[in-house]
Amino acid sequence: MEEINFIQHNALLERCKKGDKKAQFEIYKLYYKAMYNTTLRIVNNATEAEDLMQESFISAFSNLENYKTDASFGAWLKKIVINKALDFLKKRKLKFDEFSEKISITETDDFQTDMAVAEKVTQIKQAIMQLPNGFRIVLSLHLLEGYDHSEISEILNITPSASRSQFARGKQKLISILKEQKK
């Protein structure tokens, strides 16, 4: 991804507000991978993630006048992406399936170590699949997306204490599932 400075970025956004398709494409190129990965982690379906990401960009470009510069454009766009993905899950009443987060294994000469790490990753993914939807969504938003509990509360329309509670309970449930698998 090419580096652009803050002034260039804001100039692109101003051109986007005027409907400049080239500027919109430049912004799209800067953010599409991250937004696609965020959507994919939530909906766990590549085709749906691609569609939702496209809809999110269209929505963002259509509503740029609502963008306030007190937050980064990326954070604003990510909120749109997450809301679209959550709305999709609500409409389709789909279960929030296994995170498709790709966890890279550091290359080493020790094949057995790599296999042990891969096995643990698989166990954790299977344990996450067993969590209730609320726990999985809050864990994903907090651990993978980096949102704090006040941001999660706004996204999910719950209180910050409910977010913290869901996170703590989800984490405890995940630990208990993993301990149970060891037996």
N, C-alpha and C. Protein backbone atom coordinates (compact mmCIF):
# COMPACT_ATOMS: atom_id res chain seq x y z
N MET A 1 0.85 -1.18 0.00
CA MET A 1 0.00 0.00 0.00
C MET A 1 0.89 1.24 0.00
N GLU A 2 0.58 2.15 -0.85
CA GLU A 2 1.38 3.35 -0.94
C GLU A 2 1.11 4.26 0.25
N GLU A 3 2.13 4.98 0.64
CA GLU A 3 2.02 5.89 1.76
C GLU A 3 1.49 7.23 1.27
N ILE A 4 0.51 7.78 1.97
CA ILE A 4 0.09 9.14 1.67
C ILE A 4 0.03 9.88 2.99
N ASN A 5 0.30 11.16 2.93
CA ASN A 5 0.31 11.92 4.18
C ASN A 5 -1.09 12.43 4.52
N PHE A 6 -1.20 13.00 5.68
CA PHE A 6 -2.48 13.47 6.21
C PHE A 6 -3.14 14.49 5.28
N ILE A 7 -2.35 15.41 4.75
CA ILE A 7 -2.91 16.45 3.87
C ILE A 7 -3.44 15.84 2.58
N GLN A 8 -2.65 14.91 1.99
CA GLN A 8 -3.10 14.24 0.77
C GLN A 8 -4.37 13.43 1.04
N HIS A 9 -4.42 12.77 2.18
CA HIS A 9 -5.58 11.95 2.56
C HIS A 9 -6.83 12.82 2.66
N ASN A 10 -6.71 13.95 3.35
CA ASN A 10 -7.85 14.86 3.49
C ASN A 10 -8.26 15.46 2.16
N ALA A 11 -7.29 15.72 1.29
CA ALA A 11 -7.60 16.24 -0.04
C ALA A 11 -8.38 15.20 -0.84
N LEU A 12 -7.99 13.93 -0.72
CA LEU A 12 -8.73 12.85 -1.38
C LEU A 12 -10.17 12.80 -0.87
N LEU A 13 -10.33 12.90 0.44
CA LEU A 13 -11.67 12.86 1.02
C LEU A 13 -12.53 14.03 0.53
N GLU A 14 -11.92 15.20 0.41
CA GLU A 14 -12.66 16.36 -0.10
C GLU A 14 -13.10 16.12 -1.55
N ARG A 15 -12.22 15.52 -2.34
CA ARG A 15 -12.59 15.19 -3.72
C ARG A 15 -13.69 14.14 -3.75
N CYS A 16 -13.64 13.20 -2.81
CA CYS A 16 -14.69 12.17 -2.72
C CYS A 16 -16.04 12.81 -2.43
N LYS A 17 -16.05 13.82 -1.55
CA LYS A 17 -17.29 14.51 -1.21
C LYS A 17 -17.92 15.15 -2.45
N LYS A 18 -17.08 15.51 -3.41
CA LYS A 18 -17.56 16.14 -4.65
C LYS A 18 -17.91 15.11 -5.71
N GLY A 19 -17.82 13.82 -5.35
CA GLY A 19 -18.19 12.77 -6.28
C GLY A 19 -17.08 12.32 -7.22
N ASP A 20 -15.84 12.70 -6.94
CA ASP A 20 -14.71 12.34 -7.80
C ASP A 20 -14.44 10.83 -7.69
N LYS A 21 -14.72 10.09 -8.77
CA LYS A 21 -14.60 8.63 -8.79
C LYS A 21 -13.15 8.17 -8.63
N LYS A 22 -12.21 8.93 -9.19
CA LYS A 22 -10.80 8.55 -9.05
C LYS A 22 -10.36 8.66 -7.58
N ALA A 23 -10.79 9.69 -6.91
CA ALA A 23 -10.46 9.86 -5.49
C ALA A 23 -11.10 8.75 -4.66
N GLN A 24 -12.35 8.42 -5.00
CA GLN A 24 -13.02 7.33 -4.29
C GLN A 24 -12.27 6.02 -4.47
N PHE A 25 -11.78 5.77 -5.67
CA PHE A 25 -11.03 4.55 -5.93
C PHE A 25 -9.72 4.55 -5.13
N GLU A 26 -9.07 5.70 -5.01
CA GLU A 26 -7.84 5.79 -4.22
C GLU A 26 -8.12 5.49 -2.74
N ILE A 27 -9.19 6.03 -2.22
CA ILE A 27 -9.58 5.75 -0.82
C ILE A 27 -9.91 4.26 -0.68
N TYR A 28 -10.64 3.73 -1.63
CA TYR A 28 -10.99 2.31 -1.62
C TYR A 28 -9.73 1.45 -1.55
N LYS A 29 -8.74 1.77 -2.40
CA LYS A 29 -7.49 1.00 -2.42
C LYS A 29 -6.77 1.06 -1.08
N LEU A 30 -6.88 2.18 -0.39
CA LEU A 30 -6.20 2.32 0.90
C LEU A 30 -6.84 1.46 2.00
N TYR A 31 -8.15 1.25 1.91
CA TYR A 31 -8.87 0.63 3.03
C TYR A 31 -9.52 -0.73 2.76
N TYR A 32 -9.62 -1.16 1.49
CA TYR A 32 -10.45 -2.33 1.21
C TYR A 32 -9.98 -3.60 1.89
N LYS A 33 -8.68 -3.85 1.97
CA LYS A 33 -8.20 -5.11 2.58
C LYS A 33 -8.59 -5.19 4.06
N ALA A 34 -8.35 -4.13 4.78
CA ALA A 34 -8.67 -4.13 6.21
C ALA A 34 -10.17 -4.26 6.43
N MET A 35 -10.95 -3.57 5.61
CA MET A 35 -12.41 -3.62 5.78
C MET A 35 -12.96 -4.99 5.38
N TYR A 36 -12.39 -5.58 4.35
CA TYR A 36 -12.81 -6.93 3.95
C TYR A 36 -12.51 -7.93 5.07
N ASN A 37 -11.31 -7.85 5.64
CA ASN A 37 -10.94 -8.78 6.71
C ASN A 37 -11.84 -8.61 7.93
N THR A 38 -12.18 -7.39 8.26
CA THR A 38 -13.09 -7.14 9.38
C THR A 38 -14.45 -7.78 9.11
N THR A 39 -14.97 -7.56 7.92
CA THR A 39 -16.28 -8.12 7.56
C THR A 39 -16.23 -9.64 7.54
N LEU A 40 -15.17 -10.19 6.98
CA LEU A 40 -15.04 -11.65 6.90
C LEU A 40 -15.01 -12.28 8.28
N ARG A 41 -14.32 -11.65 9.23
CA ARG A 41 -14.28 -12.19 10.60
C ARG A 41 -15.66 -12.22 11.23
N ILE A 42 -16.52 -11.31 10.85
CA ILE A 42 -17.86 -11.26 11.46
C ILE A 42 -18.83 -12.20 10.76
N VAL A 43 -18.86 -12.20 9.43
CA VAL A 43 -19.87 -13.00 8.72
C VAL A 43 -19.37 -14.38 8.31
N ASN A 44 -18.05 -14.58 8.28
CA ASN A 44 -17.42 -15.86 7.96
C ASN A 44 -17.89 -16.43 6.62
N ASN A 45 -18.07 -15.57 5.64
CA ASN A 45 -18.45 -15.99 4.30
C ASN A 45 -17.82 -14.99 3.33
N ALA A 46 -16.90 -15.48 2.49
CA ALA A 46 -16.12 -14.60 1.62
C ALA A 46 -17.01 -13.79 0.67
N THR A 47 -17.99 -14.43 0.07
CA THR A 47 -18.86 -13.73 -0.88
C THR A 47 -19.68 -12.66 -0.18
N GLU A 48 -20.28 -13.02 0.95
CA GLU A 48 -21.07 -12.03 1.71
C GLU A 48 -20.18 -10.91 2.22
N ALA A 49 -18.96 -11.25 2.66
CA ALA A 49 -18.03 -10.22 3.16
C ALA A 49 -17.70 -9.23 2.05
N GLU A 50 -17.46 -9.74 0.86
CA GLU A 50 -17.15 -8.86 -0.28
C GLU A 50 -18.34 -7.93 -0.58
N ASP A 51 -19.54 -8.49 -0.62
CA ASP A 51 -20.74 -7.69 -0.89
C ASP A 51 -20.95 -6.62 0.19
N LEU A 52 -20.83 -7.03 1.44
CA LEU A 52 -21.04 -6.09 2.54
C LEU A 52 -19.99 -5.00 2.56
N MET A 53 -18.74 -5.36 2.23
CA MET A 53 -17.68 -4.36 2.18
C MET A 53 -18.00 -3.35 1.08
N GLN A 54 -18.43 -3.82 -0.09
CA GLN A 54 -18.78 -2.91 -1.19
C GLN A 54 -19.92 -1.99 -0.77
N GLU A 55 -20.95 -2.55 -0.14
CA GLU A 55 -22.08 -1.74 0.33
C GLU A 55 -21.62 -0.70 1.34
N SER A 56 -20.67 -1.08 2.17
CA SER A 56 -20.15 -0.15 3.18
C SER A 56 -19.44 1.03 2.54
N PHE A 57 -18.64 0.76 1.51
CA PHE A 57 -17.97 1.87 0.82
C PHE A 57 -18.98 2.78 0.13
N ILE A 58 -19.98 2.19 -0.49
CA ILE A 58 -21.02 3.00 -1.14
C ILE A 58 -21.71 3.88 -0.11
N SER A 59 -22.05 3.28 1.03
CA SER A 59 -22.70 4.02 2.10
C SER A 59 -21.79 5.14 2.61
N ALA A 60 -20.51 4.82 2.80
CA ALA A 60 -19.58 5.83 3.30
C ALA A 60 -19.45 6.99 2.32
N PHE A 61 -19.28 6.68 1.04
CA PHE A 61 -19.14 7.75 0.05
C PHE A 61 -20.42 8.57 -0.08
N SER A 62 -21.57 7.93 0.12
CA SER A 62 -22.85 8.65 0.04
C SER A 62 -23.09 9.53 1.25
N ASN A 63 -22.43 9.21 2.36
CA ASN A 63 -22.67 9.94 3.61
C ASN A 63 -21.43 10.66 4.12
N LEU A 64 -20.52 11.00 3.25
CA LEU A 64 -19.29 11.67 3.67
C LEU A 64 -19.54 12.99 4.39
N GLU A 65 -20.66 13.63 4.09
CA GLU A 65 -20.95 14.90 4.78
C GLU A 65 -21.17 14.68 6.28
N ASN A 66 -21.47 13.43 6.69
CA ASN A 66 -21.65 13.11 8.11
C ASN A 66 -20.35 12.76 8.81
N TYR A 67 -19.27 12.60 8.05
CA TYR A 67 -17.98 12.26 8.63
C TYR A 67 -17.41 13.46 9.37
N LYS A 68 -17.12 13.24 10.64
CA LYS A 68 -16.52 14.28 11.48
C LYS A 68 -15.04 13.97 11.62
N THR A 69 -14.21 14.94 11.44
CA THR A 69 -12.77 14.72 11.46
C THR A 69 -12.20 14.48 12.86
N ASP A 70 -13.07 14.40 13.89
CA ASP A 70 -12.56 14.13 15.23
C ASP A 70 -12.13 12.67 15.37
N ALA A 71 -12.57 11.80 14.46
CA ALA A 71 -12.11 10.41 14.41
C ALA A 71 -11.47 10.19 13.04
N SER A 72 -10.59 9.22 12.96
CA SER A 72 -9.97 8.96 11.67
C SER A 72 -11.01 8.42 10.70
N PHE A 73 -10.77 8.63 9.41
CA PHE A 73 -11.69 8.12 8.41
C PHE A 73 -11.77 6.60 8.49
N GLY A 74 -10.62 5.95 8.73
CA GLY A 74 -10.59 4.49 8.84
C GLY A 74 -11.47 3.98 9.96
N ALA A 75 -11.45 4.66 11.10
CA ALA A 75 -12.29 4.25 12.24
C ALA A 75 -13.77 4.45 11.90
N TRP A 76 -14.07 5.56 11.25
CA TRP A 76 -15.45 5.84 10.84
C TRP A 76 -15.94 4.79 9.85
N LEU A 77 -15.11 4.48 8.87
CA LEU A 77 -15.45 3.47 7.87
C LEU A 77 -15.61 2.09 8.51
N LYS A 78 -14.72 1.76 9.44
CA LYS A 78 -14.79 0.45 10.10
C LYS A 78 -16.09 0.31 10.88
N LYS A 79 -16.55 1.39 11.48
CA LYS A 79 -17.83 1.35 12.20
C LYS A 79 -18.98 1.05 11.24
N ILE A 80 -18.93 1.65 10.06
CA ILE A 80 -19.95 1.38 9.03
C ILE A 80 -19.89 -0.09 8.63
N VAL A 81 -18.69 -0.59 8.40
CA VAL A 81 -18.48 -1.98 7.98
C VAL A 81 -19.03 -2.94 9.04
N ILE A 82 -18.70 -2.70 10.29
CA ILE A 82 -19.15 -3.58 11.37
C ILE A 82 -20.67 -3.53 11.50
N ASN A 83 -21.25 -2.34 11.42
CA ASN A 83 -22.71 -2.23 11.51
C ASN A 83 -23.40 -2.96 10.37
N LYS A 84 -22.86 -2.84 9.14
CA LYS A 84 -23.43 -3.57 8.00
C LYS A 84 -23.36 -5.07 8.24
N ALA A 85 -22.23 -5.55 8.74
CA ALA A 85 -22.06 -6.98 8.98
C ALA A 85 -23.01 -7.48 10.08
N LEU A 86 -23.13 -6.70 11.14
CA LEU A 86 -24.03 -7.09 12.23
C LEU A 86 -25.49 -7.06 11.78
N ASP A 87 -25.85 -6.05 10.98
CA ASP A 87 -27.21 -5.99 10.43
C ASP A 87 -27.48 -7.20 9.55
N PHE A 88 -26.49 -7.60 8.77
CA PHE A 88 -26.62 -8.79 7.93
C PHE A 88 -26.91 -10.02 8.78
N LEU A 89 -26.15 -10.17 9.87
CA LEU A 89 -26.36 -11.33 10.75
C LEU A 89 -27.75 -11.29 11.38
N LYS A 90 -28.19 -10.12 11.77
CA LYS A 90 -29.52 -10.00 12.38
C LYS A 90 -30.61 -10.34 11.37
N LYS A 91 -30.47 -9.81 10.16
CA LYS A 91 -31.50 -10.05 9.13
C LYS A 91 -31.57 -11.51 8.74
N ARG A 92 -30.46 -12.13 8.61
CA ARG A 92 -30.43 -13.52 8.18
C ARG A 92 -30.51 -14.50 9.34
N LYS A 93 -30.42 -13.96 10.55
CA LYS A 93 -30.44 -14.78 11.76
C LYS A 93 -29.42 -15.91 11.68
N LEU A 94 -28.26 -15.55 11.14
CA LEU A 94 -27.18 -16.51 11.04
C LEU A 94 -26.39 -16.55 12.33
N LYS A 95 -25.83 -17.68 12.60
CA LYS A 95 -24.96 -17.80 13.75
C LYS A 95 -23.61 -17.20 13.40
N PHE A 96 -23.00 -16.59 14.39
CA PHE A 96 -21.67 -16.02 14.20
C PHE A 96 -20.68 -17.16 14.29
N ASP A 97 -20.23 -17.65 13.12
CA ASP A 97 -19.38 -18.84 13.05
C ASP A 97 -17.94 -18.52 13.41
N GLU A 98 -17.14 -19.55 13.33
CA GLU A 98 -15.72 -19.51 13.67
C GLU A 98 -15.03 -18.31 13.05
N PHE A 99 -14.20 -17.66 13.84
CA PHE A 99 -13.41 -16.56 13.30
C PHE A 99 -12.52 -17.11 12.20
N SER A 100 -12.43 -16.41 11.12
CA SER A 100 -11.58 -16.86 10.04
C SER A 100 -10.25 -16.11 10.06
N GLU A 101 -9.94 -15.59 11.22
CA GLU A 101 -8.69 -14.87 11.37
C GLU A 101 -7.53 -15.79 11.03
N LYS A 102 -6.72 -15.37 10.11
CA LYS A 102 -5.54 -16.14 9.74
C LYS A 102 -4.46 -15.84 10.77
N ILE A 103 -4.03 -16.88 11.44
CA ILE A 103 -2.97 -16.72 12.42
C ILE A 103 -1.71 -17.30 11.80
N SER A 104 -0.75 -16.45 11.58
CA SER A 104 0.46 -16.94 10.93
C SER A 104 1.35 -17.63 11.94
N ILE A 105 1.92 -18.71 11.49
CA ILE A 105 2.83 -19.48 12.33
C ILE A 105 4.24 -19.09 11.91
N THR A 106 5.05 -18.67 12.88
CA THR A 106 6.41 -18.28 12.58
C THR A 106 7.16 -19.47 12.01
N GLU A 107 7.85 -19.23 10.92
CA GLU A 107 8.59 -20.33 10.31
C GLU A 107 9.80 -20.65 11.17
N THR A 108 9.93 -21.93 11.50
CA THR A 108 11.08 -22.41 12.25
C THR A 108 11.54 -23.70 11.62
N ASP A 109 12.68 -24.16 12.07
CA ASP A 109 13.19 -25.44 11.58
C ASP A 109 12.53 -26.59 12.32
N ASP A 110 11.81 -26.29 13.39
CA ASP A 110 11.22 -27.33 14.21
C ASP A 110 9.79 -27.62 13.76
N PHE A 111 9.63 -28.61 12.91
CA PHE A 111 8.32 -28.97 12.36
C PHE A 111 7.34 -29.33 13.46
N GLN A 112 7.80 -30.04 14.49
CA GLN A 112 6.91 -30.45 15.57
C GLN A 112 6.36 -29.23 16.32
N THR A 113 7.17 -28.22 16.50
CA THR A 113 6.70 -27.00 17.15
C THR A 113 5.61 -26.35 16.32
N ASP A 114 5.84 -26.27 15.01
CA ASP A 114 4.83 -25.70 14.11
C ASP A 114 3.53 -26.48 14.18
N MET A 115 3.62 -27.79 14.20
CA MET A 115 2.43 -28.63 14.25
C MET A 115 1.70 -28.44 15.58
N ALA A 116 2.43 -28.29 16.67
CA ALA A 116 1.80 -28.08 17.98
C ALA A 116 1.06 -26.75 18.01
N VAL A 117 1.69 -25.72 17.45
CA VAL A 117 1.04 -24.40 17.39
C VAL A 117 -0.21 -24.47 16.53
N ALA A 118 -0.11 -25.12 15.37
CA ALA A 118 -1.26 -25.24 14.48
C ALA A 118 -2.41 -25.98 15.15
N GLU A 119 -2.06 -27.01 15.91
CA GLU A 119 -3.10 -27.78 16.63
C GLU A 119 -3.78 -26.92 17.68
N LYS A 120 -3.00 -26.11 18.40
CA LYS A 120 -3.59 -25.22 19.42
C LYS A 120 -4.49 -24.17 18.77
N VAL A 121 -4.07 -23.63 17.63
CA VAL A 121 -4.89 -22.65 16.92
C VAL A 121 -6.22 -23.28 16.54
N THR A 122 -6.17 -24.50 16.04
CA THR A 122 -7.39 -25.22 15.65
C THR A 122 -8.29 -25.43 16.87
N GLN A 123 -7.71 -25.81 17.99
CA GLN A 123 -8.49 -26.01 19.22
C GLN A 123 -9.17 -24.72 19.65
N ILE A 124 -8.43 -23.62 19.57
CA ILE A 124 -9.00 -22.33 19.98
C ILE A 124 -10.14 -21.94 19.04
N LYS A 125 -9.96 -22.12 17.74
CA LYS A 125 -11.01 -21.81 16.78
C LYS A 125 -12.26 -22.65 17.05
N GLN A 126 -12.07 -23.92 17.34
CA GLN A 126 -13.21 -24.78 17.63
C GLN A 126 -13.91 -24.35 18.92
N ALA A 127 -13.13 -23.93 19.90
CA ALA A 127 -13.72 -23.45 21.15
C ALA A 127 -14.50 -22.16 20.93
N ILE A 128 -13.96 -21.26 20.12
CA ILE A 128 -14.66 -20.01 19.81
C ILE A 128 -15.99 -20.30 19.12
N MET A 129 -16.01 -21.30 18.24
CA MET A 129 -17.26 -21.66 17.55
C MET A 129 -18.35 -22.07 18.53
N GLN A 130 -17.96 -22.57 19.69
CA GLN A 130 -18.93 -23.05 20.68
C GLN A 130 -19.50 -21.92 21.54
N LEU A 131 -18.92 -20.75 21.46
CA LEU A 131 -19.40 -19.63 22.27
C LEU A 131 -20.72 -19.09 21.73
N PRO A 132 -21.58 -18.63 22.62
CA PRO A 132 -22.81 -17.96 22.17
C PRO A 132 -22.47 -16.71 21.35
N ASN A 133 -23.38 -16.32 20.47
CA ASN A 133 -23.13 -15.20 19.55
C ASN A 133 -22.64 -13.94 20.25
N GLY A 134 -23.28 -13.55 21.33
CA GLY A 134 -22.91 -12.31 22.02
C GLY A 134 -21.46 -12.33 22.48
N PHE A 135 -21.04 -13.45 23.05
CA PHE A 135 -19.66 -13.57 23.50
C PHE A 135 -18.70 -13.47 22.32
N ARG A 136 -19.01 -14.18 21.22
CA ARG A 136 -18.12 -14.19 20.07
C ARG A 136 -18.00 -12.81 19.45
N ILE A 137 -19.10 -12.10 19.35
CA ILE A 137 -19.06 -10.78 18.72
C ILE A 137 -18.24 -9.81 19.57
N VAL A 138 -18.49 -9.79 20.88
CA VAL A 138 -17.75 -8.87 21.76
C VAL A 138 -16.27 -9.24 21.79
N LEU A 139 -15.96 -10.53 21.88
CA LEU A 139 -14.55 -10.96 21.86
C LEU A 139 -13.88 -10.52 20.55
N SER A 140 -14.56 -10.68 19.44
CA SER A 140 -14.00 -10.29 18.14
C SER A 140 -13.75 -8.80 18.08
N LEU A 141 -14.75 -8.02 18.46
CA LEU A 141 -14.60 -6.56 18.38
C LEU A 141 -13.50 -6.06 19.30
N HIS A 142 -13.39 -6.65 20.49
CA HIS A 142 -12.39 -6.18 21.44
C HIS A 142 -11.00 -6.71 21.12
N LEU A 143 -10.87 -8.02 20.94
CA LEU A 143 -9.55 -8.62 20.76
C LEU A 143 -9.00 -8.45 19.34
N LEU A 144 -9.84 -8.65 18.35
CA LEU A 144 -9.35 -8.64 16.97
C LEU A 144 -9.42 -7.26 16.33
N GLU A 145 -10.46 -6.50 16.64
CA GLU A 145 -10.63 -5.20 16.02
C GLU A 145 -10.08 -4.06 16.87
N GLY A 146 -9.84 -4.31 18.15
CA GLY A 146 -9.23 -3.30 19.00
C GLY A 146 -10.16 -2.24 19.55
N TYR A 147 -11.47 -2.48 19.49
CA TYR A 147 -12.42 -1.52 20.05
C TYR A 147 -12.43 -1.61 21.56
N ASP A 148 -12.62 -0.46 22.22
CA ASP A 148 -12.79 -0.49 23.67
C ASP A 148 -14.27 -0.71 23.97
N HIS A 149 -14.57 -0.90 25.24
CA HIS A 149 -15.94 -1.28 25.61
C HIS A 149 -16.96 -0.16 25.37
N SER A 150 -16.54 1.09 25.44
CA SER A 150 -17.50 2.17 25.15
C SER A 150 -17.84 2.17 23.66
N GLU A 151 -16.84 1.90 22.81
CA GLU A 151 -17.11 1.83 21.37
C GLU A 151 -17.99 0.62 21.04
N ILE A 152 -17.71 -0.51 21.67
CA ILE A 152 -18.51 -1.71 21.45
C ILE A 152 -19.95 -1.46 21.89
N SER A 153 -20.11 -0.75 23.00
CA SER A 153 -21.46 -0.47 23.49
C SER A 153 -22.25 0.35 22.48
N GLU A 154 -21.59 1.30 21.82
CA GLU A 154 -22.27 2.10 20.79
C GLU A 154 -22.61 1.24 19.58
N ILE A 155 -21.68 0.41 19.16
CA ILE A 155 -21.89 -0.42 17.97
C ILE A 155 -23.03 -1.40 18.18
N LEU A 156 -23.06 -2.05 19.35
CA LEU A 156 -24.04 -3.10 19.62
C LEU A 156 -25.28 -2.58 20.34
N ASN A 157 -25.29 -1.29 20.67
CA ASN A 157 -26.41 -0.69 21.38
C ASN A 157 -26.65 -1.36 22.74
N ILE A 158 -25.55 -1.53 23.47
CA ILE A 158 -25.59 -2.07 24.83
C ILE A 158 -24.80 -1.11 25.72
N THR A 159 -24.84 -1.32 27.01
CA THR A 159 -24.07 -0.46 27.91
C THR A 159 -22.61 -0.91 27.93
N PRO A 160 -21.70 0.00 28.26
CA PRO A 160 -20.29 -0.41 28.38
C PRO A 160 -20.10 -1.52 29.41
N SER A 161 -20.86 -1.48 30.49
CA SER A 161 -20.73 -2.55 31.50
C SER A 161 -21.22 -3.88 30.94
N ALA A 162 -22.24 -3.86 30.08
CA ALA A 162 -22.70 -5.10 29.44
C ALA A 162 -21.62 -5.64 28.51
N SER A 163 -20.92 -4.75 27.82
CA SER A 163 -19.83 -5.18 26.94
C SER A 163 -18.71 -5.82 27.76
N ARG A 164 -18.33 -5.15 28.86
CA ARG A 164 -17.27 -5.71 29.72
C ARG A 164 -17.70 -7.06 30.29
N SER A 165 -18.94 -7.14 30.68
CA SER A 165 -19.47 -8.38 31.24
C SER A 165 -19.47 -9.50 30.20
N GLN A 166 -19.96 -9.20 28.98
CA GLN A 166 -19.97 -10.19 27.89
C GLN A 166 -18.54 -10.65 27.59
N PHE A 167 -17.62 -9.70 27.58
CA PHE A 167 -16.22 -10.03 27.30
C PHE A 167 -15.66 -10.95 28.39
N ALA A 168 -15.85 -10.57 29.64
CA ALA A 168 -15.32 -11.38 30.75
C ALA A 168 -15.96 -12.77 30.77
N ARG A 169 -17.26 -12.83 30.59
CA ARG A 169 -17.93 -14.14 30.58
C ARG A 169 -17.50 -14.97 29.37
N GLY A 170 -17.36 -14.31 28.23
CA GLY A 170 -16.93 -15.01 27.02
C GLY A 170 -15.53 -15.57 27.19
N LYS A 171 -14.66 -14.77 27.78
CA LYS A 171 -13.28 -15.21 28.00
C LYS A 171 -13.25 -16.40 28.97
N GLN A 172 -14.04 -16.32 30.04
CA GLN A 172 -14.11 -17.43 31.01
C GLN A 172 -14.68 -18.68 30.35
N LYS A 173 -15.71 -18.51 29.55
CA LYS A 173 -16.33 -19.64 28.86
C LYS A 173 -15.33 -20.27 27.89
N LEU A 174 -14.58 -19.44 27.18
CA LEU A 174 -13.58 -19.94 26.24
C LEU A 174 -12.50 -20.73 26.99
N ILE A 175 -12.05 -20.22 28.11
CA ILE A 175 -11.05 -20.93 28.93
C ILE A 175 -11.60 -22.26 29.41
N SER A 176 -12.85 -22.26 29.87
CA SER A 176 -13.45 -23.50 30.36
C SER A 176 -13.61 -24.52 29.24
N ILE A 177 -13.97 -24.07 28.04
CA ILE A 177 -14.09 -24.98 26.90
C ILE A 177 -12.72 -25.58 26.57
N LEU A 178 -11.70 -24.74 26.58
CA LEU A 178 -10.35 -25.22 26.27
C LEU A 178 -9.85 -26.20 27.33
N LYS A 179 -10.15 -25.93 28.60
CA LYS A 179 -9.76 -26.88 29.66
C LYS A 179 -10.49 -28.21 29.49
N GLU A 180 -11.75 -28.14 29.13
CA GLU A 180 -12.55 -29.35 28.94
C GLU A 180 -12.00 -30.19 27.77
N GLN A 181 -11.53 -29.52 26.74
CA GLN A 181 -10.96 -30.21 25.58
C GLN A 181 -9.68 -30.94 25.95
N LYS A 182 -8.93 -30.42 26.93
CA LYS A 182 -7.68 -31.04 27.34
C LYS A 182 -7.88 -32.39 28.02
N LYS A 183 -9.06 -32.57 28.63
CA LYS A 183 -9.32 -33.79 29.38
C LYS A 183 -9.42 -34.99 28.49
